[in-house]
Structures are given as structure tokens and as C-alpha cells.
Amino acid sequence: MTDKLAFYARKPARAMMAGLLAFALPVAVVAPADTAMAANDDAQLDKAVTALRAISTMKADFTQTDRSGQVVRGELTLKRPGKIRFEYEDAVNMLIVSNGKVFTLVDYDVRQVERWPISKSPLGALLDPERDVRQYGTVQPTGDSNVISVQVRDPKKPEFGTITLIFVRDSSAPGGYKLASWVALDSQNKRTTVRLDNQRYGVSVKDSAFTYKDPRPSSRRPK
């Protein structure tokens, strides 16, 4: 029974990794109806990019929910440029970390390490907003002037994934908007939602936070 519980506890973390890094379904990009709407979308996109670029470091509590409703929690640490860490709650003995070049999933229970290039992940929008959000972002209607929704995908490479970033107006956040949540969609139309709370900006974060202890026996590690 303990082994089964541990297995199911790990599933949401793997679902998140799939949602963030695996292939995603193409999503249609709808052209703006008129020049005024296009100008407004450009302004909203600029606000989103400004909000992301204004974050030097950030820590936040996260809640991750997969399509089946399974929920896991943890702490997110972000340091620009390019570094991010998802530290899961104790029941999930896994770690997701980016050193600025690759994402690494570390499963300590089975002593496995898997890596994906940042360039093939929709999370690149968080780590390189100038490139990903400005070039590949499309503003989505929200019906609320205080909320900005930006869907990010490369139309020439839809297999690299889709992520929708949600920003909420907050005068205490860098750039005037806080990143509140995001939604990732994988190739099987499975949705993973991550919500952030208790965002702390400008905190001291050492680069060592984006390293990990390799659980594999030394004989199995790449040279």
C-alpha cells in the first residue's frame, strides 16, 4: 500500500512535467478584428512582458492541478535570466529545476534524472519573455480590465507546446502586474494548471538553488 501511495503521489509531478515540456496540440491564433483592437492587444502584451522582465528574483507558493483534479503543492523559486525551481511538498519526492539551459526532472524515489531543452518548453515564456512572449504571445479576452491573459506558442513549431499566462493588476508587483497562474496543454489535450500565491519579489536567491543532488549511482551518470 505504501508503494502505491508513493506512486500516485508522484503522478501529478510527472503530469506537470508533461504539461510543461511535452508536445502540445496546435491552437488557432485569431487575428484582431480591427486596428484599435490590435493596438490594445499590443499594449496588453507590453504590460505582460514588462511585468515578467521586472522580476529579478521571486519566490511563491504554488498549487498544481491536473485534469483529473489531483493537487500537489510546493514552492517556486525564479531567478532571471533563465533559472527556475519547483520544490514539491514532502509527499512528492521529486524536483524540477532549470539552470538556464535545460530543465531537469529528478525522481529521487526511482533514482532517475530526465532533461529537456528550455527551447522546447512553453515555460521558456517565463524564462525569456522578450523572445517568447513578444514573438509568440497572443492576448486572449478576459472580460476584466485588471486581468491580462497571454497564450504563448510558436505557430511554426506547435509541437513545442502551449502555455497561457494570467496576470493580475497589483501595484505592489514589479511592473504593476503579478503573475497569478498559468495553464499548459499537452499532446493528449491534458491540462495542467499552476496557481501562485504569496509572491515575494527581490528575495536573495543563490545560484546553488538551481542545482540538484544526483540520485543515480556514479556508474550510471553521463561522463
C-alpha atoms as a PDB file:
ATOM      1  CA  MET A   1       0.000   0.000   0.000  1.00  0.00           C
ATOM      2  CA  THR A   2       2.834   2.393   0.811  1.00  0.00           C
ATOM      3  CA  ASP A   3       4.364   1.817  -2.618  1.00  0.00           C
ATOM      4  CA  LYS A   4       1.041   2.515  -4.310  1.00  0.00           C
ATOM      5  CA  LEU A   5       0.576   5.743  -2.379  1.00  0.00           C
ATOM      6  CA  ALA A   6       4.061   6.859  -3.307  1.00  0.00           C
ATOM      7  CA  PHE A   7       3.359   6.059  -6.969  1.00  0.00           C
ATOM      8  CA  TYR A   8       0.156   8.071  -7.081  1.00  0.00           C
ATOM      9  CA  ALA A   9       1.812  10.933  -5.222  1.00  0.00           C
ATOM     10  CA  ARG A  10       4.400  11.098  -7.987  1.00  0.00           C
ATOM     11  CA  LYS A  11       1.873  11.109 -10.809  1.00  0.00           C
ATOM     12  CA  PRO A  12       0.879  14.795 -10.520  1.00  0.00           C
ATOM     13  CA  ALA A  13       4.507  15.891 -10.702  1.00  0.00           C
ATOM     14  CA  ARG A  14       5.018  13.850 -13.844  1.00  0.00           C
ATOM     15  CA  ALA A  15       1.762  15.238 -15.229  1.00  0.00           C
ATOM     16  CA  MET A  16       3.101  18.729 -14.665  1.00  0.00           C
ATOM     17  CA  MET A  17       6.344  17.903 -16.421  1.00  0.00           C
ATOM     18  CA  ALA A  18       4.378  16.534 -19.354  1.00  0.00           C
ATOM     19  CA  GLY A  19       2.201  19.623 -19.422  1.00  0.00           C
ATOM     20  CA  LEU A  20       5.145  21.972 -19.374  1.00  0.00           C
ATOM     21  CA  LEU A  21       7.623  20.116 -21.531  1.00  0.00           C
ATOM     22  CA  ALA A  22       5.854  17.601 -23.749  1.00  0.00           C
ATOM     23  CA  PHE A  23       4.256  18.195 -27.116  1.00  0.00           C
ATOM     24  CA  ALA A  24       1.078  20.273 -27.241  1.00  0.00           C
ATOM     25  CA  LEU A  25      -1.886  20.451 -29.582  1.00  0.00           C
ATOM     26  CA  PRO A  26      -1.904  23.302 -32.095  1.00  0.00           C
ATOM     27  CA  VAL A  27      -4.150  26.149 -31.020  1.00  0.00           C
ATOM     28  CA  ALA A  28      -5.606  28.535 -33.549  1.00  0.00           C
ATOM     29  CA  VAL A  29      -4.397  32.117 -33.419  1.00  0.00           C
ATOM     30  CA  VAL A  30      -7.249  34.528 -34.192  1.00  0.00           C
ATOM     31  CA  ALA A  31      -6.327  37.770 -35.912  1.00  0.00           C
ATOM     32  CA  PRO A  32      -7.500  41.008 -34.270  1.00  0.00           C
ATOM     33  CA  ALA A  33     -10.746  42.356 -35.714  1.00  0.00           C
ATOM     34  CA  ASP A  34      -9.540  45.919 -36.240  1.00  0.00           C
ATOM     35  CA  THR A  35      -6.640  48.300 -35.770  1.00  0.00           C
ATOM     36  CA  ALA A  36      -7.894  49.602 -32.421  1.00  0.00           C
ATOM     37  CA  MET A  37      -8.138  46.068 -31.043  1.00  0.00           C
ATOM     38  CA  ALA A  38      -4.670  45.249 -32.359  1.00  0.00           C
ATOM     39  CA  ALA A  39      -3.225  48.328 -30.664  1.00  0.00           C
ATOM     40  CA  ASN A  40      -4.882  47.387 -27.380  1.00  0.00           C
ATOM     41  CA  ASP A  41      -3.545  43.841 -27.631  1.00  0.00           C
ATOM     42  CA  ASP A  42      -0.042  45.192 -28.261  1.00  0.00           C
ATOM     43  CA  ALA A  43      -0.344  47.383 -25.177  1.00  0.00           C
ATOM     44  CA  GLN A  44      -1.511  44.432 -23.071  1.00  0.00           C
ATOM     45  CA  LEU A  45       1.333  42.298 -24.387  1.00  0.00           C
ATOM     46  CA  ASP A  46       3.819  45.026 -23.490  1.00  0.00           C
ATOM     47  CA  LYS A  47       2.452  45.111 -19.937  1.00  0.00           C
ATOM     48  CA  ALA A  48       2.874  41.345 -19.599  1.00  0.00           C
ATOM     49  CA  VAL A  49       6.446  41.446 -20.887  1.00  0.00           C
ATOM     50  CA  THR A  50       7.265  44.386 -18.607  1.00  0.00           C
ATOM     51  CA  ALA A  51       5.870  42.514 -15.603  1.00  0.00           C
ATOM     52  CA  LEU A  52       7.993  39.434 -16.322  1.00  0.00           C
ATOM     53  CA  ARG A  53      11.163  41.350 -17.112  1.00  0.00           C
ATOM     54  CA  ALA A  54      10.791  43.397 -13.934  1.00  0.00           C
ATOM     55  CA  ILE A  55      11.190  40.245 -11.814  1.00  0.00           C
ATOM     56  CA  SER A  56      14.804  39.779 -10.820  1.00  0.00           C
ATOM     57  CA  THR A  57      14.013  37.080  -8.279  1.00  0.00           C
ATOM     58  CA  MET A  58      10.759  35.686  -6.953  1.00  0.00           C
ATOM     59  CA  LYS A  59       9.541  33.033  -4.578  1.00  0.00           C
ATOM     60  CA  ALA A  60       5.921  31.909  -4.448  1.00  0.00           C
ATOM     61  CA  ASP A  61       3.790  29.090  -3.142  1.00  0.00           C
ATOM     62  CA  PHE A  62       2.254  27.061  -5.956  1.00  0.00           C
ATOM     63  CA  THR A  63      -0.724  24.750  -6.289  1.00  0.00           C
ATOM     64  CA  GLN A  64      -0.686  22.393  -9.253  1.00  0.00           C
ATOM     65  CA  THR A  65      -3.843  20.686 -10.501  1.00  0.00           C
ATOM     66  CA  ASP A  66      -4.035  18.148 -13.312  1.00  0.00           C
ATOM     67  CA  ARG A  67      -7.028  17.254 -15.467  1.00  0.00           C
ATOM     68  CA  SER A  68      -8.194  14.538 -13.077  1.00  0.00           C
ATOM     69  CA  GLY A  69      -8.256  17.016 -10.199  1.00  0.00           C
ATOM     70  CA  GLN A  70      -5.167  15.725  -8.392  1.00  0.00           C
ATOM     71  CA  VAL A  71      -3.482  18.530  -6.464  1.00  0.00           C
ATOM     72  CA  VAL A  72       0.073  18.928  -5.218  1.00  0.00           C
ATOM     73  CA  ARG A  73       1.744  21.956  -3.673  1.00  0.00           C
ATOM     74  CA  GLY A  74       5.199  23.361  -3.244  1.00  0.00           C
ATOM     75  CA  GLU A  75       7.412  26.419  -3.593  1.00  0.00           C
ATOM     76  CA  LEU A  76       8.541  28.069  -6.808  1.00  0.00           C
ATOM     77  CA  THR A  77      11.842  29.947  -6.997  1.00  0.00           C
ATOM     78  CA  LEU A  78      12.629  32.101 -10.040  1.00  0.00           C
ATOM     79  CA  LYS A  79      15.810  33.968 -10.883  1.00  0.00           C
ATOM     80  CA  ARG A  80      16.307  35.708 -14.172  1.00  0.00           C
ATOM     81  CA  PRO A  81      17.754  35.053 -16.568  1.00  0.00           C
ATOM     82  CA  GLY A  82      16.601  31.507 -17.117  1.00  0.00           C
ATOM     83  CA  LYS A  83      16.588  29.840 -13.699  1.00  0.00           C
ATOM     84  CA  ILE A  84      13.572  28.223 -12.033  1.00  0.00           C
ATOM     85  CA  ARG A  85      12.966  25.598  -9.352  1.00  0.00           C
ATOM     86  CA  PHE A  86       9.828  23.690  -8.354  1.00  0.00           C
ATOM     87  CA  GLU A  87      10.278  22.288  -4.845  1.00  0.00           C
ATOM     88  CA  TYR A  88       7.413  19.891  -4.129  1.00  0.00           C
ATOM     89  CA  GLU A  89       5.818  19.059  -0.817  1.00  0.00           C
ATOM     90  CA  ASP A  90       7.340  16.194   1.169  1.00  0.00           C
ATOM     91  CA  ALA A  91       4.889  13.601  -0.195  1.00  0.00           C
ATOM     92  CA  VAL A  92       6.272  14.124  -3.702  1.00  0.00           C
ATOM     93  CA  ASN A  93       9.924  13.136  -3.686  1.00  0.00           C
ATOM     94  CA  MET A  94      10.745  14.929  -6.936  1.00  0.00           C
ATOM     95  CA  LEU A  95      12.374  18.129  -8.121  1.00  0.00           C
ATOM     96  CA  ILE A  96      12.086  20.200 -11.296  1.00  0.00           C
ATOM     97  CA  VAL A  97      14.897  22.678 -11.862  1.00  0.00           C
ATOM     98  CA  SER A  98      16.322  24.784 -14.685  1.00  0.00           C
ATOM     99  CA  ASN A  99      19.894  26.067 -14.740  1.00  0.00           C
ATOM    100  CA  GLY A 100      19.140  28.478 -17.571  1.00  0.00           C
ATOM    101  CA  LYS A 101      19.793  25.998 -20.388  1.00  0.00           C
ATOM    102  CA  VAL A 102      17.888  22.797 -19.639  1.00  0.00           C
ATOM    103  CA  PHE A 103      15.038  21.618 -17.446  1.00  0.00           C
ATOM    104  CA  THR A 104      15.816  18.656 -15.222  1.00  0.00           C
ATOM    105  CA  LEU A 105      13.307  16.336 -13.579  1.00  0.00           C
ATOM    106  CA  VAL A 106      14.823  14.459 -10.642  1.00  0.00           C
ATOM    107  CA  ASP A 107      12.869  11.492  -9.254  1.00  0.00           C
ATOM    108  CA  TYR A 108      14.557  10.511  -6.030  1.00  0.00           C
ATOM    109  CA  ASP A 109      12.312   7.521  -5.410  1.00  0.00           C
ATOM    110  CA  VAL A 110      13.439   5.674  -8.540  1.00  0.00           C
ATOM    111  CA  ARG A 111      16.807   7.441  -8.901  1.00  0.00           C
ATOM    112  CA  GLN A 112      16.090   8.844 -12.337  1.00  0.00           C
ATOM    113  CA  VAL A 113      17.136  12.110 -13.984  1.00  0.00           C
ATOM    114  CA  GLU A 114      15.499  13.393 -17.179  1.00  0.00           C
ATOM    115  CA  ARG A 115      16.377  16.547 -19.115  1.00  0.00           C
ATOM    116  CA  TRP A 116      14.664  18.755 -21.721  1.00  0.00           C
ATOM    117  CA  PRO A 117      15.987  21.838 -23.555  1.00  0.00           C
ATOM    118  CA  ILE A 118      14.362  25.072 -22.418  1.00  0.00           C
ATOM    119  CA  SER A 119      13.825  25.999 -26.066  1.00  0.00           C
ATOM    120  CA  LYS A 120      11.334  23.120 -26.421  1.00  0.00           C
ATOM    121  CA  SER A 121       9.286  24.052 -23.381  1.00  0.00           C
ATOM    122  CA  PRO A 122       6.432  26.550 -23.169  1.00  0.00           C
ATOM    123  CA  LEU A 123       7.971  27.634 -19.867  1.00  0.00           C
ATOM    124  CA  GLY A 124      10.501  29.479 -22.000  1.00  0.00           C
ATOM    125  CA  ALA A 125       7.949  32.287 -21.934  1.00  0.00           C
ATOM    126  CA  LEU A 126       8.667  32.738 -18.228  1.00  0.00           C
ATOM    127  CA  LEU A 127      12.406  32.476 -18.582  1.00  0.00           C
ATOM    128  CA  ASP A 128      12.871  34.544 -21.749  1.00  0.00           C
ATOM    129  CA  PRO A 129       9.842  36.866 -22.029  1.00  0.00           C
ATOM    130  CA  GLU A 130      11.494  39.164 -24.564  1.00  0.00           C
ATOM    131  CA  ARG A 131      11.793  36.352 -27.077  1.00  0.00           C
ATOM    132  CA  ASP A 132       8.838  34.117 -26.304  1.00  0.00           C
ATOM    133  CA  VAL A 133       6.116  36.496 -25.183  1.00  0.00           C
ATOM    134  CA  ARG A 134       6.766  39.272 -27.687  1.00  0.00           C
ATOM    135  CA  GLN A 135       7.230  36.962 -30.670  1.00  0.00           C
ATOM    136  CA  TYR A 136       4.776  34.186 -29.884  1.00  0.00           C
ATOM    137  CA  GLY A 137       2.239  35.689 -27.487  1.00  0.00           C
ATOM    138  CA  THR A 138      -1.422  36.290 -28.343  1.00  0.00           C
ATOM    139  CA  VAL A 139      -3.650  38.267 -25.968  1.00  0.00           C
ATOM    140  CA  GLN A 140      -6.847  36.415 -25.050  1.00  0.00           C
ATOM    141  CA  PRO A 141     -10.063  38.194 -23.932  1.00  0.00           C
ATOM    142  CA  THR A 142     -10.765  38.069 -20.182  1.00  0.00           C
ATOM    143  CA  GLY A 143     -13.665  40.476 -19.681  1.00  0.00           C
ATOM    144  CA  ASP A 144     -11.756  42.099 -16.820  1.00  0.00           C
ATOM    145  CA  SER A 145      -9.587  45.178 -17.327  1.00  0.00           C
ATOM    146  CA  ASN A 146      -7.435  44.132 -14.363  1.00  0.00           C
ATOM    147  CA  VAL A 147      -6.543  40.741 -15.858  1.00  0.00           C
ATOM    148  CA  ILE A 148      -4.273  40.012 -18.833  1.00  0.00           C
ATOM    149  CA  SER A 149      -4.257  36.573 -20.447  1.00  0.00           C
ATOM    150  CA  VAL A 150      -1.482  35.738 -22.911  1.00  0.00           C
ATOM    151  CA  GLN A 151      -1.308  32.482 -24.826  1.00  0.00           C
ATOM    152  CA  VAL A 152       2.236  31.666 -25.933  1.00  0.00           C
ATOM    153  CA  ARG A 153       3.067  29.249 -28.741  1.00  0.00           C
ATOM    154  CA  ASP A 154       5.305  29.240 -31.787  1.00  0.00           C
ATOM    155  CA  PRO A 155       2.907  28.747 -34.744  1.00  0.00           C
ATOM    156  CA  LYS A 156       5.751  27.259 -36.782  1.00  0.00           C
ATOM    157  CA  LYS A 157       6.556  24.751 -34.037  1.00  0.00           C
ATOM    158  CA  PRO A 158       3.296  23.857 -32.295  1.00  0.00           C
ATOM    159  CA  GLU A 159       4.868  20.626 -31.049  1.00  0.00           C
ATOM    160  CA  PHE A 160       6.981  22.706 -28.652  1.00  0.00           C
ATOM    161  CA  GLY A 161       3.940  23.377 -26.503  1.00  0.00           C
ATOM    162  CA  THR A 162       1.387  25.944 -25.411  1.00  0.00           C
ATOM    163  CA  ILE A 163       1.182  27.919 -22.191  1.00  0.00           C
ATOM    164  CA  THR A 164      -1.364  30.562 -21.172  1.00  0.00           C
ATOM    165  CA  LEU A 165      -0.082  33.094 -18.643  1.00  0.00           C
ATOM    166  CA  ILE A 166      -2.519  35.018 -16.429  1.00  0.00           C
ATOM    167  CA  PHE A 167      -1.512  38.379 -14.954  1.00  0.00           C
ATOM    168  CA  VAL A 168      -3.493  40.366 -12.392  1.00  0.00           C
ATOM    169  CA  ARG A 169      -3.036  44.076 -11.761  1.00  0.00           C
ATOM    170  CA  ASP A 170      -1.137  44.582  -8.498  1.00  0.00           C
ATOM    171  CA  SER A 171       0.626  47.832  -7.656  1.00  0.00           C
ATOM    172  CA  SER A 172       2.994  46.035  -5.285  1.00  0.00           C
ATOM    173  CA  ALA A 173       4.310  43.742  -8.037  1.00  0.00           C
ATOM    174  CA  PRO A 174       7.203  44.698 -10.330  1.00  0.00           C
ATOM    175  CA  GLY A 175       5.760  46.181 -13.486  1.00  0.00           C
ATOM    176  CA  GLY A 176       2.350  46.646 -11.867  1.00  0.00           C
ATOM    177  CA  TYR A 177       1.066  43.140 -12.636  1.00  0.00           C
ATOM    178  CA  LYS A 178       1.670  39.873 -10.807  1.00  0.00           C
ATOM    179  CA  LEU A 179       1.903  36.507 -12.499  1.00  0.00           C
ATOM    180  CA  ALA A 180      -1.057  34.731 -10.895  1.00  0.00           C
ATOM    181  CA  SER A 181      -1.263  31.434 -12.773  1.00  0.00           C
ATOM    182  CA  TRP A 182      -0.635  29.551 -15.973  1.00  0.00           C
ATOM    183  CA  VAL A 183      -2.205  26.667 -17.890  1.00  0.00           C
ATOM    184  CA  ALA A 184      -0.273  24.150 -20.010  1.00  0.00           C
ATOM    185  CA  LEU A 185      -1.757  21.765 -22.550  1.00  0.00           C
ATOM    186  CA  ASP A 186      -0.087  18.533 -23.703  1.00  0.00           C
ATOM    187  CA  SER A 187      -0.421  16.446 -26.872  1.00  0.00           C
ATOM    188  CA  GLN A 188      -3.280  14.390 -25.427  1.00  0.00           C
ATOM    189  CA  ASN A 189      -5.253  17.519 -24.549  1.00  0.00           C
ATOM    190  CA  LYS A 190      -4.417  17.060 -20.863  1.00  0.00           C
ATOM    191  CA  ARG A 191      -4.480  20.318 -18.975  1.00  0.00           C
ATOM    192  CA  THR A 192      -2.226  21.248 -16.061  1.00  0.00           C
ATOM    193  CA  THR A 193      -2.926  24.410 -14.060  1.00  0.00           C
ATOM    194  CA  VAL A 194      -0.449  26.104 -11.739  1.00  0.00           C
ATOM    195  CA  ARG A 195      -1.623  28.873  -9.395  1.00  0.00           C
ATOM    196  CA  LEU A 196       0.741  31.124  -7.462  1.00  0.00           C
ATOM    197  CA  ASP A 197       0.207  32.722  -4.061  1.00  0.00           C
ATOM    198  CA  ASN A 198       2.292  34.660  -1.560  1.00  0.00           C
ATOM    199  CA  GLN A 199       4.636  36.054  -4.215  1.00  0.00           C
ATOM    200  CA  ARG A 200       7.825  37.555  -2.753  1.00  0.00           C
ATOM    201  CA  TYR A 201       9.954  39.701  -5.034  1.00  0.00           C
ATOM    202  CA  GLY A 202      13.600  40.719  -4.873  1.00  0.00           C
ATOM    203  CA  VAL A 203      14.492  37.987  -2.384  1.00  0.00           C
ATOM    204  CA  SER A 204      18.051  36.733  -2.036  1.00  0.00           C
ATOM    205  CA  VAL A 205      18.484  33.579  -4.133  1.00  0.00           C
ATOM    206  CA  LYS A 206      21.818  31.834  -4.596  1.00  0.00           C
ATOM    207  CA  ASP A 207      22.655  30.119  -7.872  1.00  0.00           C
ATOM    208  CA  SER A 208      23.102  26.911  -5.911  1.00  0.00           C
ATOM    209  CA  ALA A 209      19.291  26.806  -5.588  1.00  0.00           C
ATOM    210  CA  PHE A 210      19.197  25.691  -9.213  1.00  0.00           C
ATOM    211  CA  THR A 211      21.425  22.686  -8.782  1.00  0.00           C
ATOM    212  CA  TYR A 212      20.418  19.253  -7.509  1.00  0.00           C
ATOM    213  CA  LYS A 213      21.795  16.170  -5.853  1.00  0.00           C
ATOM    214  CA  ASP A 214      22.111  13.452  -8.478  1.00  0.00           C
ATOM    215  CA  PRO A 215      20.437  10.296  -7.114  1.00  0.00           C
ATOM    216  CA  ARG A 216      21.927   7.954  -9.714  1.00  0.00           C
ATOM    217  CA  PRO A 217      24.832   5.676  -8.908  1.00  0.00           C
ATOM    218  CA  SER A 218      28.045   7.230 -10.182  1.00  0.00           C
ATOM    219  CA  SER A 219      28.464   4.418 -12.724  1.00  0.00           C
ATOM    220  CA  ARG A 220      25.195   5.448 -14.449  1.00  0.00           C
ATOM    221  CA  ARG A 221      25.912   9.150 -14.720  1.00  0.00           C
ATOM    222  CA  PRO A 222      26.902  10.589 -18.110  1.00  0.00           C
ATOM    223  CA  LYS A 223      30.575  11.428 -18.466  1.00  0.00           C
END
